[in-house]
Amino acid sequence: MAPNNRPTSIKIFGQRYKVRYDYVSDDNNGLCDPDNNTIHISPSMQDDKLLRVLMHEITHAVIAETPIHDRKRFNEEEVCDIVGFHFMDTLKQNPKLWEWLIKEMDEEAS
């Protein structure tokens, strides 16, 4: 995955999140900072891991922008709603992100 193809901005429920590939930590590979509308990702990961970490951090941002953001635990129906409605809305609002994800997943499968 060429760095210039990586998403650098994602719209989540009307909020623009910047995606920066600048995160350095011994504990994890990403961080979602909803207070500053920023997602930080480690730049040194292999492509397949970067894809998964970015999606993980986007999910944090999706949760942060929903009314249930103060919850620490979710029941099964709430998790399904987060994925089925909120996360899918985020993909719909970001067609370039969707295209990038599909392309990366296709390359990973081949």
PDB file of N, CA and C in Angstrom:
ATOM      1  N   MET A   1       0.841  -1.167   0.000  1.00  0.00           N
ATOM      2  CA  MET A   1       0.000   0.000   0.000  1.00  0.00           C
ATOM      3  C   MET A   1       0.881   1.223   0.000  1.00  0.00           C
ATOM      4  N   ALA A   2       0.757   2.021  -0.997  1.00  0.00           N
ATOM      5  CA  ALA A   2       1.542   3.251  -1.064  1.00  0.00           C
ATOM      6  C   ALA A   2       0.982   4.262  -0.076  1.00  0.00           C
ATOM      7  N   PRO A   3       1.865   4.934   0.670  1.00  0.00           N
ATOM      8  CA  PRO A   3       1.392   5.885   1.672  1.00  0.00           C
ATOM      9  C   PRO A   3       0.458   6.947   1.118  1.00  0.00           C
ATOM     10  N   ASN A   4       0.631   7.359  -0.138  1.00  0.00           N
ATOM     11  CA  ASN A   4      -0.236   8.400  -0.664  1.00  0.00           C
ATOM     12  C   ASN A   4      -1.644   7.901  -0.952  1.00  0.00           C
ATOM     13  N   ASN A   5      -1.894   6.601  -0.923  1.00  0.00           N
ATOM     14  CA  ASN A   5      -3.232   6.048  -1.114  1.00  0.00           C
ATOM     15  C   ASN A   5      -3.991   5.908   0.196  1.00  0.00           C
ATOM     16  N   ARG A   6      -3.303   6.036   1.304  1.00  0.00           N
ATOM     17  CA  ARG A   6      -3.943   5.883   2.607  1.00  0.00           C
ATOM     18  C   ARG A   6      -4.894   7.049   2.867  1.00  0.00           C
ATOM     19  N   PRO A   7      -6.038   6.761   3.485  1.00  0.00           N
ATOM     20  CA  PRO A   7      -6.963   7.847   3.822  1.00  0.00           C
ATOM     21  C   PRO A   7      -6.311   8.845   4.782  1.00  0.00           C
ATOM     22  N   THR A   8      -6.524  10.120   4.538  1.00  0.00           N
ATOM     23  CA  THR A   8      -5.985  11.164   5.411  1.00  0.00           C
ATOM     24  C   THR A   8      -7.082  11.972   6.080  1.00  0.00           C
ATOM     25  N   SER A   9      -8.325  11.717   5.685  1.00  0.00           N
ATOM     26  CA  SER A   9      -9.459  12.430   6.250  1.00  0.00           C
ATOM     27  C   SER A   9     -10.690  11.547   6.121  1.00  0.00           C
ATOM     28  N   ILE A  10     -11.487  11.486   7.180  1.00  0.00           N
ATOM     29  CA  ILE A  10     -12.686  10.652   7.179  1.00  0.00           C
ATOM     30  C   ILE A  10     -13.818  11.443   7.818  1.00  0.00           C
ATOM     31  N   LYS A  11     -14.966  11.438   7.172  1.00  0.00           N
ATOM     32  CA  LYS A  11     -16.137  12.124   7.690  1.00  0.00           C
ATOM     33  C   LYS A  11     -16.969  11.133   8.495  1.00  0.00           C
ATOM     34  N   ILE A  12     -17.251  11.497   9.744  1.00  0.00           N
ATOM     35  CA  ILE A  12     -18.029  10.630  10.628  1.00  0.00           C
ATOM     36  C   ILE A  12     -19.139  11.466  11.244  1.00  0.00           C
ATOM     37  N   PHE A  13     -20.374  11.206  10.804  1.00  0.00           N
ATOM     38  CA  PHE A  13     -21.549  11.932  11.291  1.00  0.00           C
ATOM     39  C   PHE A  13     -21.356  13.445  11.250  1.00  0.00           C
ATOM     40  N   GLY A  14     -20.873  13.931  10.141  1.00  0.00           N
ATOM     41  CA  GLY A  14     -20.695  15.360   9.949  1.00  0.00           C
ATOM     42  C   GLY A  14     -19.410  15.921  10.518  1.00  0.00           C
ATOM     43  N   GLN A  15     -18.655  15.109  11.229  1.00  0.00           N
ATOM     44  CA  GLN A  15     -17.380  15.541  11.808  1.00  0.00           C
ATOM     45  C   GLN A  15     -16.243  15.045  10.925  1.00  0.00           C
ATOM     46  N   ARG A  16     -15.320  15.916  10.615  1.00  0.00           N
ATOM     47  CA  ARG A  16     -14.160  15.547   9.801  1.00  0.00           C
ATOM     48  C   ARG A  16     -13.030  15.119  10.734  1.00  0.00           C
ATOM     49  N   TYR A  17     -12.586  13.879  10.611  1.00  0.00           N
ATOM     50  CA  TYR A  17     -11.457  13.359  11.389  1.00  0.00           C
ATOM     51  C   TYR A  17     -10.228  13.338  10.494  1.00  0.00           C
ATOM     52  N   LYS A  18      -9.140  13.881  10.976  1.00  0.00           N
ATOM     53  CA  LYS A  18      -7.863  13.774  10.272  1.00  0.00           C
ATOM     54  C   LYS A  18      -7.245  12.437  10.631  1.00  0.00           C
ATOM     55  N   VAL A  19      -6.636  11.792   9.651  1.00  0.00           N
ATOM     56  CA  VAL A  19      -5.913  10.537   9.896  1.00  0.00           C
ATOM     57  C   VAL A  19      -4.440  10.837   9.693  1.00  0.00           C
ATOM     58  N   ARG A  20      -3.689  10.663  10.754  1.00  0.00           N
ATOM     59  CA  ARG A  20      -2.252  10.928  10.698  1.00  0.00           C
ATOM     60  C   ARG A  20      -1.494   9.632  10.951  1.00  0.00           C
ATOM     61  N   TYR A  21      -0.477   9.412  10.174  1.00  0.00           N
ATOM     62  CA  TYR A  21       0.350   8.205  10.287  1.00  0.00           C
ATOM     63  C   TYR A  21       1.630   8.579  11.019  1.00  0.00           C
ATOM     64  N   ASP A  22       1.446   8.896  12.295  1.00  0.00           N
ATOM     65  CA  ASP A  22       2.541   9.437  13.097  1.00  0.00           C
ATOM     66  C   ASP A  22       2.592   8.874  14.511  1.00  0.00           C
ATOM     67  N   TYR A  23       1.827   7.832  14.782  1.00  0.00           N
ATOM     68  CA  TYR A  23       1.686   7.356  16.156  1.00  0.00           C
ATOM     69  C   TYR A  23       2.833   6.427  16.539  1.00  0.00           C
ATOM     70  N   VAL A  24       3.437   6.694  17.676  1.00  0.00           N
ATOM     71  CA  VAL A  24       4.522   5.856  18.191  1.00  0.00           C
ATOM     72  C   VAL A  24       4.177   5.459  19.619  1.00  0.00           C
ATOM     73  N   SER A  25       4.090   4.157  19.860  1.00  0.00           N
ATOM     74  CA  SER A  25       3.779   3.645  21.190  1.00  0.00           C
ATOM     75  C   SER A  25       4.265   2.207  21.293  1.00  0.00           C
ATOM     76  N   ASP A  26       4.672   1.816  22.470  1.00  0.00           N
ATOM     77  CA  ASP A  26       5.060   0.428  22.698  1.00  0.00           C
ATOM     78  C   ASP A  26       3.848  -0.442  23.008  1.00  0.00           C
ATOM     79  N   ASP A  27       2.717   0.203  23.334  1.00  0.00           N
ATOM     80  CA  ASP A  27       1.538  -0.538  23.781  1.00  0.00           C
ATOM     81  C   ASP A  27       0.552  -0.895  22.675  1.00  0.00           C
ATOM     82  N   ASN A  28       0.398  -0.015  21.674  1.00  0.00           N
ATOM     83  CA  ASN A  28      -0.564  -0.288  20.612  1.00  0.00           C
ATOM     84  C   ASN A  28      -0.151   0.451  19.344  1.00  0.00           C
ATOM     85  N   ASN A  29      -0.933   0.288  18.301  1.00  0.00           N
ATOM     86  CA  ASN A  29      -0.565   0.831  16.994  1.00  0.00           C
ATOM     87  C   ASN A  29      -1.443   1.976  16.517  1.00  0.00           C
ATOM     88  N   GLY A  30      -2.377   2.404  17.355  1.00  0.00           N
ATOM     89  CA  GLY A  30      -3.257   3.488  16.943  1.00  0.00           C
ATOM     90  C   GLY A  30      -3.918   4.146  18.126  1.00  0.00           C
ATOM     91  N   LEU A  31      -4.483   5.324  17.839  1.00  0.00           N
ATOM     92  CA  LEU A  31      -5.168   6.087  18.871  1.00  0.00           C
ATOM     93  C   LEU A  31      -6.225   6.958  18.210  1.00  0.00           C
ATOM     94  N   CYS A  32      -7.424   6.938  18.770  1.00  0.00           N
ATOM     95  CA  CYS A  32      -8.482   7.833  18.322  1.00  0.00           C
ATOM     96  C   CYS A  32      -8.603   8.943  19.363  1.00  0.00           C
ATOM     97  N   ASP A  33      -8.521  10.177  18.903  1.00  0.00           N
ATOM     98  CA  ASP A  33      -8.641  11.350  19.776  1.00  0.00           C
ATOM     99  C   ASP A  33      -9.873  12.141  19.341  1.00  0.00           C
ATOM    100  N   PRO A  34     -11.073  11.758  19.841  1.00  0.00           N
ATOM    101  CA  PRO A  34     -12.293  12.434  19.397  1.00  0.00           C
ATOM    102  C   PRO A  34     -12.368  13.896  19.829  1.00  0.00           C
ATOM    103  N   ASP A  35     -11.662  14.278  20.879  1.00  0.00           N
ATOM    104  CA  ASP A  35     -11.665  15.678  21.307  1.00  0.00           C
ATOM    105  C   ASP A  35     -11.037  16.585  20.254  1.00  0.00           C
ATOM    106  N   ASN A  36     -10.093  16.048  19.491  1.00  0.00           N
ATOM    107  CA  ASN A  36      -9.414  16.805  18.439  1.00  0.00           C
ATOM    108  C   ASN A  36      -9.734  16.300  17.037  1.00  0.00           C
ATOM    109  N   ASN A  37     -10.734  15.398  16.939  1.00  0.00           N
ATOM    110  CA  ASN A  37     -11.136  14.818  15.651  1.00  0.00           C
ATOM    111  C   ASN A  37      -9.933  14.299  14.863  1.00  0.00           C
ATOM    112  N   THR A  38      -9.125  13.503  15.548  1.00  0.00           N
ATOM    113  CA  THR A  38      -7.913  12.978  14.931  1.00  0.00           C
ATOM    114  C   THR A  38      -7.758  11.496  15.245  1.00  0.00           C
ATOM    115  N   ILE A  39      -7.313  10.761  14.245  1.00  0.00           N
ATOM    116  CA  ILE A  39      -6.937   9.358  14.410  1.00  0.00           C
ATOM    117  C   ILE A  39      -5.453   9.283  14.097  1.00  0.00           C
ATOM    118  N   HIS A  40      -4.692   8.701  15.014  1.00  0.00           N
ATOM    119  CA  HIS A  40      -3.251   8.539  14.824  1.00  0.00           C
ATOM    120  C   HIS A  40      -2.962   7.055  14.617  1.00  0.00           C
ATOM    121  N   ILE A  41      -2.176   6.758  13.597  1.00  0.00           N
ATOM    122  CA  ILE A  41      -1.839   5.380  13.233  1.00  0.00           C
ATOM    123  C   ILE A  41      -0.319   5.264  13.119  1.00  0.00           C
ATOM    124  N   SER A  42       0.210   4.135  13.589  1.00  0.00           N
ATOM    125  CA  SER A  42       1.636   3.869  13.440  1.00  0.00           C
ATOM    126  C   SER A  42       1.988   3.722  11.965  1.00  0.00           C
ATOM    127  N   PRO A  43       3.014   4.413  11.504  1.00  0.00           N
ATOM    128  CA  PRO A  43       3.368   4.337  10.086  1.00  0.00           C
ATOM    129  C   PRO A  43       4.182   3.100   9.716  1.00  0.00           C
ATOM    130  N   SER A  44       4.631   2.342  10.704  1.00  0.00           N
ATOM    131  CA  SER A  44       5.593   1.271  10.423  1.00  0.00           C
ATOM    132  C   SER A  44       4.971  -0.126  10.356  1.00  0.00           C
ATOM    133  N   MET A  45       3.654  -0.215  10.276  1.00  0.00           N
ATOM    134  CA  MET A  45       3.006  -1.526  10.229  1.00  0.00           C
ATOM    135  C   MET A  45       2.972  -2.087   8.808  1.00  0.00           C
ATOM    136  N   GLN A  46       2.855  -3.412   8.737  1.00  0.00           N
ATOM    137  CA  GLN A  46       2.618  -4.049   7.452  1.00  0.00           C
ATOM    138  C   GLN A  46       1.215  -3.673   6.987  1.00  0.00           C
ATOM    139  N   ASP A  47       1.001  -3.732   5.680  1.00  0.00           N
ATOM    140  CA  ASP A  47      -0.250  -3.277   5.090  1.00  0.00           C
ATOM    141  C   ASP A  47      -1.491  -3.906   5.705  1.00  0.00           C
ATOM    142  N   ASP A  48      -1.485  -5.236   5.878  1.00  0.00           N
ATOM    143  CA  ASP A  48      -2.682  -5.905   6.387  1.00  0.00           C
ATOM    144  C   ASP A  48      -3.005  -5.474   7.816  1.00  0.00           C
ATOM    145  N   LYS A  49      -1.990  -5.263   8.627  1.00  0.00           N
ATOM    146  CA  LYS A  49      -2.223  -4.831  10.002  1.00  0.00           C
ATOM    147  C   LYS A  49      -2.678  -3.374  10.031  1.00  0.00           C
ATOM    148  N   LEU A  50      -2.097  -2.530   9.193  1.00  0.00           N
ATOM    149  CA  LEU A  50      -2.491  -1.133   9.148  1.00  0.00           C
ATOM    150  C   LEU A  50      -3.986  -1.012   8.826  1.00  0.00           C
ATOM    151  N   LEU A  51      -4.453  -1.790   7.878  1.00  0.00           N
ATOM    152  CA  LEU A  51      -5.862  -1.786   7.504  1.00  0.00           C
ATOM    153  C   LEU A  51      -6.739  -2.089   8.718  1.00  0.00           C
ATOM    154  N   ARG A  52      -6.400  -3.102   9.461  1.00  0.00           N
ATOM    155  CA  ARG A  52      -7.201  -3.500  10.621  1.00  0.00           C
ATOM    156  C   ARG A  52      -7.122  -2.479  11.748  1.00  0.00           C
ATOM    157  N   VAL A  53      -5.951  -1.928  11.984  1.00  0.00           N
ATOM    158  CA  VAL A  53      -5.812  -0.918  13.046  1.00  0.00           C
ATOM    159  C   VAL A  53      -6.587   0.343  12.675  1.00  0.00           C
ATOM    160  N   LEU A  54      -6.516   0.763  11.427  1.00  0.00           N
ATOM    161  CA  LEU A  54      -7.270   1.932  11.005  1.00  0.00           C
ATOM    162  C   LEU A  54      -8.767   1.699  11.198  1.00  0.00           C
ATOM    163  N   MET A  55      -9.277   0.542  10.812  1.00  0.00           N
ATOM    164  CA  MET A  55     -10.696   0.252  10.981  1.00  0.00           C
ATOM    165  C   MET A  55     -11.071   0.209  12.463  1.00  0.00           C
ATOM    166  N   HIS A  56     -10.187  -0.299  13.297  1.00  0.00           N
ATOM    167  CA  HIS A  56     -10.404  -0.322  14.744  1.00  0.00           C
ATOM    168  C   HIS A  56     -10.559   1.110  15.271  1.00  0.00           C
ATOM    169  N   GLU A  57      -9.655   1.991  14.865  1.00  0.00           N
ATOM    170  CA  GLU A  57      -9.694   3.377  15.341  1.00  0.00           C
ATOM    171  C   GLU A  57     -10.891   4.139  14.766  1.00  0.00           C
ATOM    172  N   ILE A  58     -11.271   3.844  13.532  1.00  0.00           N
ATOM    173  CA  ILE A  58     -12.478   4.454  12.966  1.00  0.00           C
ATOM    174  C   ILE A  58     -13.695   4.026  13.779  1.00  0.00           C
ATOM    175  N   THR A  59     -13.728   2.773  14.214  1.00  0.00           N
ATOM    176  CA  THR A  59     -14.839   2.307  15.044  1.00  0.00           C
ATOM    177  C   THR A  59     -14.900   3.082  16.355  1.00  0.00           C
ATOM    178  N   HIS A  60     -13.747   3.364  16.960  1.00  0.00           N
ATOM    179  CA  HIS A  60     -13.744   4.212  18.158  1.00  0.00           C
ATOM    180  C   HIS A  60     -14.350   5.576  17.852  1.00  0.00           C
ATOM    181  N   ALA A  61     -13.993   6.144  16.702  1.00  0.00           N
ATOM    182  CA  ALA A  61     -14.523   7.461  16.321  1.00  0.00           C
ATOM    183  C   ALA A  61     -16.034   7.389  16.088  1.00  0.00           C
ATOM    184  N   VAL A  62     -16.495   6.326  15.443  1.00  0.00           N
ATOM    185  CA  VAL A  62     -17.931   6.152  15.215  1.00  0.00           C
ATOM    186  C   VAL A  62     -18.659   6.115  16.556  1.00  0.00           C
ATOM    187  N   ILE A  63     -18.156   5.341  17.490  1.00  0.00           N
ATOM    188  CA  ILE A  63     -18.785   5.262  18.809  1.00  0.00           C
ATOM    189  C   ILE A  63     -18.753   6.624  19.501  1.00  0.00           C
ATOM    190  N   ALA A  64     -17.638   7.333  19.386  1.00  0.00           N
ATOM    191  CA  ALA A  64     -17.509   8.640  20.031  1.00  0.00           C
ATOM    192  C   ALA A  64     -18.529   9.642  19.510  1.00  0.00           C
ATOM    193  N   GLU A  65     -18.964   9.478  18.266  1.00  0.00           N
ATOM    194  CA  GLU A  65     -19.901  10.421  17.656  1.00  0.00           C
ATOM    195  C   GLU A  65     -21.364   9.999  17.802  1.00  0.00           C
ATOM    196  N   THR A  66     -21.631   8.900  18.519  1.00  0.00           N
ATOM    197  CA  THR A  66     -23.006   8.455  18.723  1.00  0.00           C
ATOM    198  C   THR A  66     -23.467   8.794  20.136  1.00  0.00           C
ATOM    199  N   PRO A  67     -24.782   8.768  20.365  1.00  0.00           N
ATOM    200  CA  PRO A  67     -25.300   9.075  21.704  1.00  0.00           C
ATOM    201  C   PRO A  67     -24.854   8.094  22.792  1.00  0.00           C
ATOM    202  N   ILE A  68     -24.359   6.936  22.409  1.00  0.00           N
ATOM    203  CA  ILE A  68     -23.958   5.938  23.408  1.00  0.00           C
ATOM    204  C   ILE A  68     -22.472   6.018  23.746  1.00  0.00           C
ATOM    205  N   HIS A  69     -21.820   7.108  23.398  1.00  0.00           N
ATOM    206  CA  HIS A  69     -20.375   7.212  23.549  1.00  0.00           C
ATOM    207  C   HIS A  69     -19.883   7.112  24.992  1.00  0.00           C
ATOM    208  N   ASP A  70     -20.718   7.405  25.958  1.00  0.00           N
ATOM    209  CA  ASP A  70     -20.281   7.333  27.357  1.00  0.00           C
ATOM    210  C   ASP A  70     -20.299   5.918  27.919  1.00  0.00           C
ATOM    211  N   ARG A  71     -20.871   4.997  27.177  1.00  0.00           N
ATOM    212  CA  ARG A  71     -20.966   3.623  27.658  1.00  0.00           C
ATOM    213  C   ARG A  71     -19.618   2.928  27.558  1.00  0.00           C
ATOM    214  N   LYS A  72     -19.313   2.087  28.517  1.00  0.00           N
ATOM    215  CA  LYS A  72     -18.074   1.300  28.486  1.00  0.00           C
ATOM    216  C   LYS A  72     -18.322  -0.117  27.979  1.00  0.00           C
ATOM    217  N   ARG A  73     -19.549  -0.575  28.098  1.00  0.00           N
ATOM    218  CA  ARG A  73     -19.901  -1.920  27.627  1.00  0.00           C
ATOM    219  C   ARG A  73     -21.192  -1.829  26.827  1.00  0.00           C
ATOM    220  N   PHE A  74     -21.298  -2.709  25.829  1.00  0.00           N
ATOM    221  CA  PHE A  74     -22.469  -2.710  24.966  1.00  0.00           C
ATOM    222  C   PHE A  74     -23.058  -4.108  24.912  1.00  0.00           C
ATOM    223  N   ASN A  75     -24.396  -4.185  24.844  1.00  0.00           N
ATOM    224  CA  ASN A  75     -25.000  -5.502  24.683  1.00  0.00           C
ATOM    225  C   ASN A  75     -24.959  -5.894  23.207  1.00  0.00           C
ATOM    226  N   GLU A  76     -25.358  -7.091  22.916  1.00  0.00           N
ATOM    227  CA  GLU A  76     -25.241  -7.620  21.556  1.00  0.00           C
ATOM    228  C   GLU A  76     -25.984  -6.766  20.539  1.00  0.00           C
ATOM    229  N   GLU A  77     -27.184  -6.332  20.842  1.00  0.00           N
ATOM    230  CA  GLU A  77     -27.964  -5.518  19.906  1.00  0.00           C
ATOM    231  C   GLU A  77     -27.304  -4.170  19.650  1.00  0.00           C
ATOM    232  N   GLU A  78     -26.706  -3.587  20.669  1.00  0.00           N
ATOM    233  CA  GLU A  78     -26.015  -2.308  20.490  1.00  0.00           C
ATOM    234  C   GLU A  78     -24.790  -2.469  19.589  1.00  0.00           C
ATOM    235  N   VAL A  79     -24.056  -3.552  19.753  1.00  0.00           N
ATOM    236  CA  VAL A  79     -22.906  -3.813  18.880  1.00  0.00           C
ATOM    237  C   VAL A  79     -23.380  -3.989  17.441  1.00  0.00           C
ATOM    238  N   CYS A  80     -24.445  -4.718  17.258  1.00  0.00           N
ATOM    239  CA  CYS A  80     -24.982  -4.913  15.905  1.00  0.00           C
ATOM    240  C   CYS A  80     -25.440  -3.589  15.307  1.00  0.00           C
ATOM    241  N   ASP A  81     -26.043  -2.718  16.106  1.00  0.00           N
ATOM    242  CA  ASP A  81     -26.453  -1.401  15.615  1.00  0.00           C
ATOM    243  C   ASP A  81     -25.247  -0.543  15.254  1.00  0.00           C
ATOM    244  N   ILE A  82     -24.195  -0.607  16.062  1.00  0.00           N
ATOM    245  CA  ILE A  82     -22.987   0.165  15.760  1.00  0.00           C
ATOM    246  C   ILE A  82     -22.442  -0.235  14.395  1.00  0.00           C
ATOM    247  N   VAL A  83     -22.382  -1.541  14.143  1.00  0.00           N
ATOM    248  CA  VAL A  83     -21.857  -2.024  12.861  1.00  0.00           C
ATOM    249  C   VAL A  83     -22.868  -1.810  11.741  1.00  0.00           C
ATOM    250  N   GLY A  84     -24.101  -2.230  11.953  1.00  0.00           N
ATOM    251  CA  GLY A  84     -25.096  -2.220  10.896  1.00  0.00           C
ATOM    252  C   GLY A  84     -25.564  -0.849  10.464  1.00  0.00           C
ATOM    253  N   PHE A  85     -25.617   0.079  11.385  1.00  0.00           N
ATOM    254  CA  PHE A  85     -26.114   1.402  11.052  1.00  0.00           C
ATOM    255  C   PHE A  85     -25.012   2.446  11.069  1.00  0.00           C
ATOM    256  N   HIS A  86     -24.391   2.628  12.207  1.00  0.00           N
ATOM    257  CA  HIS A  86     -23.432   3.719  12.365  1.00  0.00           C
ATOM    258  C   HIS A  86     -22.178   3.517  11.519  1.00  0.00           C
ATOM    259  N   PHE A  87     -21.593   2.337  11.562  1.00  0.00           N
ATOM    260  CA  PHE A  87     -20.367   2.101  10.796  1.00  0.00           C
ATOM    261  C   PHE A  87     -20.660   2.098   9.303  1.00  0.00           C
ATOM    262  N   MET A  88     -21.781   1.499   8.909  1.00  0.00           N
ATOM    263  CA  MET A  88     -22.136   1.478   7.490  1.00  0.00           C
ATOM    264  C   MET A  88     -22.410   2.890   6.975  1.00  0.00           C
ATOM    265  N   ASP A  89     -23.020   3.752   7.794  1.00  0.00           N
ATOM    266  CA  ASP A  89     -23.215   5.150   7.405  1.00  0.00           C
ATOM    267  C   ASP A  89     -21.881   5.843   7.178  1.00  0.00           C
ATOM    268  N   THR A  90     -20.909   5.528   8.010  1.00  0.00           N
ATOM    269  CA  THR A  90     -19.577   6.114   7.853  1.00  0.00           C
ATOM    270  C   THR A  90     -18.956   5.683   6.528  1.00  0.00           C
ATOM    271  N   LEU A  91     -19.079   4.416   6.175  1.00  0.00           N
ATOM    272  CA  LEU A  91     -18.553   3.954   4.888  1.00  0.00           C
ATOM    273  C   LEU A  91     -19.282   4.629   3.729  1.00  0.00           C
ATOM    274  N   LYS A  92     -20.593   4.816   3.863  1.00  0.00           N
ATOM    275  CA  LYS A  92     -21.362   5.478   2.804  1.00  0.00           C
ATOM    276  C   LYS A  92     -20.923   6.935   2.628  1.00  0.00           C
ATOM    277  N   GLN A  93     -20.587   7.604   3.723  1.00  0.00           N
ATOM    278  CA  GLN A  93     -20.153   9.001   3.664  1.00  0.00           C
ATOM    279  C   GLN A  93     -18.720   9.145   3.144  1.00  0.00           C
ATOM    280  N   ASN A  94     -18.001   8.044   3.047  1.00  0.00           N
ATOM    281  CA  ASN A  94     -16.594   8.070   2.648  1.00  0.00           C
ATOM    282  C   ASN A  94     -16.327   7.065   1.529  1.00  0.00           C
ATOM    283  N   PRO A  95     -16.817   7.329   0.320  1.00  0.00           N
ATOM    284  CA  PRO A  95     -16.643   6.344  -0.759  1.00  0.00           C
ATOM    285  C   PRO A  95     -15.189   6.041  -1.085  1.00  0.00           C
ATOM    286  N   LYS A  96     -14.293   7.017  -0.927  1.00  0.00           N
ATOM    287  CA  LYS A  96     -12.874   6.743  -1.193  1.00  0.00           C
ATOM    288  C   LYS A  96     -12.304   5.781  -0.159  1.00  0.00           C
ATOM    289  N   LEU A  97     -12.747   5.899   1.097  1.00  0.00           N
ATOM    290  CA  LEU A  97     -12.329   4.949   2.134  1.00  0.00           C
ATOM    291  C   LEU A  97     -12.814   3.558   1.765  1.00  0.00           C
ATOM    292  N   TRP A  98     -14.062   3.443   1.353  1.00  0.00           N
ATOM    293  CA  TRP A  98     -14.634   2.156   0.963  1.00  0.00           C
ATOM    294  C   TRP A  98     -13.849   1.543  -0.188  1.00  0.00           C
ATOM    295  N   GLU A  99     -13.543   2.336  -1.215  1.00  0.00           N
ATOM    296  CA  GLU A  99     -12.772   1.846  -2.357  1.00  0.00           C
ATOM    297  C   GLU A  99     -11.389   1.373  -1.915  1.00  0.00           C
ATOM    298  N   TRP A 100     -10.739   2.134  -1.049  1.00  0.00           N
ATOM    299  CA  TRP A 100      -9.412   1.781  -0.554  1.00  0.00           C
ATOM    300  C   TRP A 100      -9.472   0.466   0.221  1.00  0.00           C
ATOM    301  N   LEU A 101     -10.481   0.321   1.085  1.00  0.00           N
ATOM    302  CA  LEU A 101     -10.614  -0.906   1.871  1.00  0.00           C
ATOM    303  C   LEU A 101     -10.781  -2.131   0.976  1.00  0.00           C
ATOM    304  N   ILE A 102     -11.656  -2.024   0.000  1.00  0.00           N
ATOM    305  CA  ILE A 102     -11.900  -3.151  -0.912  1.00  0.00           C
ATOM    306  C   ILE A 102     -10.630  -3.501  -1.671  1.00  0.00           C
ATOM    307  N   LYS A 103      -9.928  -2.478  -2.172  1.00  0.00           N
ATOM    308  CA  LYS A 103      -8.696  -2.714  -2.917  1.00  0.00           C
ATOM    309  C   LYS A 103      -7.664  -3.403  -2.037  1.00  0.00           C
ATOM    310  N   GLU A 104      -7.487  -2.921  -0.810  1.00  0.00           N
ATOM    311  CA  GLU A 104      -6.521  -3.509   0.100  1.00  0.00           C
ATOM    312  C   GLU A 104      -6.895  -4.938   0.479  1.00  0.00           C
ATOM    313  N   MET A 105      -8.177  -5.193   0.688  1.00  0.00           N
ATOM    314  CA  MET A 105      -8.610  -6.541   1.033  1.00  0.00           C
ATOM    315  C   MET A 105      -8.422  -7.490  -0.146  1.00  0.00           C
ATOM    316  N   ASP A 106      -8.664  -6.993  -1.365  1.00  0.00           N
ATOM    317  CA  ASP A 106      -8.445  -7.820  -2.561  1.00  0.00           C
ATOM    318  C   ASP A 106      -6.956  -8.164  -2.711  1.00  0.00           C
ATOM    319  N   GLU A 107      -6.094  -7.167  -2.494  1.00  0.00           N
ATOM    320  CA  GLU A 107      -4.646  -7.409  -2.605  1.00  0.00           C
ATOM    321  C   GLU A 107      -4.185  -8.379  -1.533  1.00  0.00           C
ATOM    322  N   GLU A 108      -4.774  -8.274  -0.353  1.00  0.00           N
ATOM    323  CA  GLU A 108      -4.401  -9.163   0.744  1.00  0.00           C
ATOM    324  C   GLU A 108      -4.807 -10.598   0.450  1.00  0.00           C
ATOM    325  N   ALA A 109      -5.955 -10.767  -0.207  1.00  0.00           N
ATOM    326  CA  ALA A 109      -6.451 -12.110  -0.513  1.00  0.00           C
ATOM    327  C   ALA A 109      -5.672 -12.782  -1.632  1.00  0.00           C
ATOM    328  N   SER A 110      -5.030 -11.990  -2.493  1.00  0.00           N
ATOM    329  CA  SER A 110      -4.329 -12.606  -3.630  1.00  0.00           C
ATOM    330  C   SER A 110      -2.901 -12.950  -3.309  1.00  0.00           C
TER     331      SER A 110
END
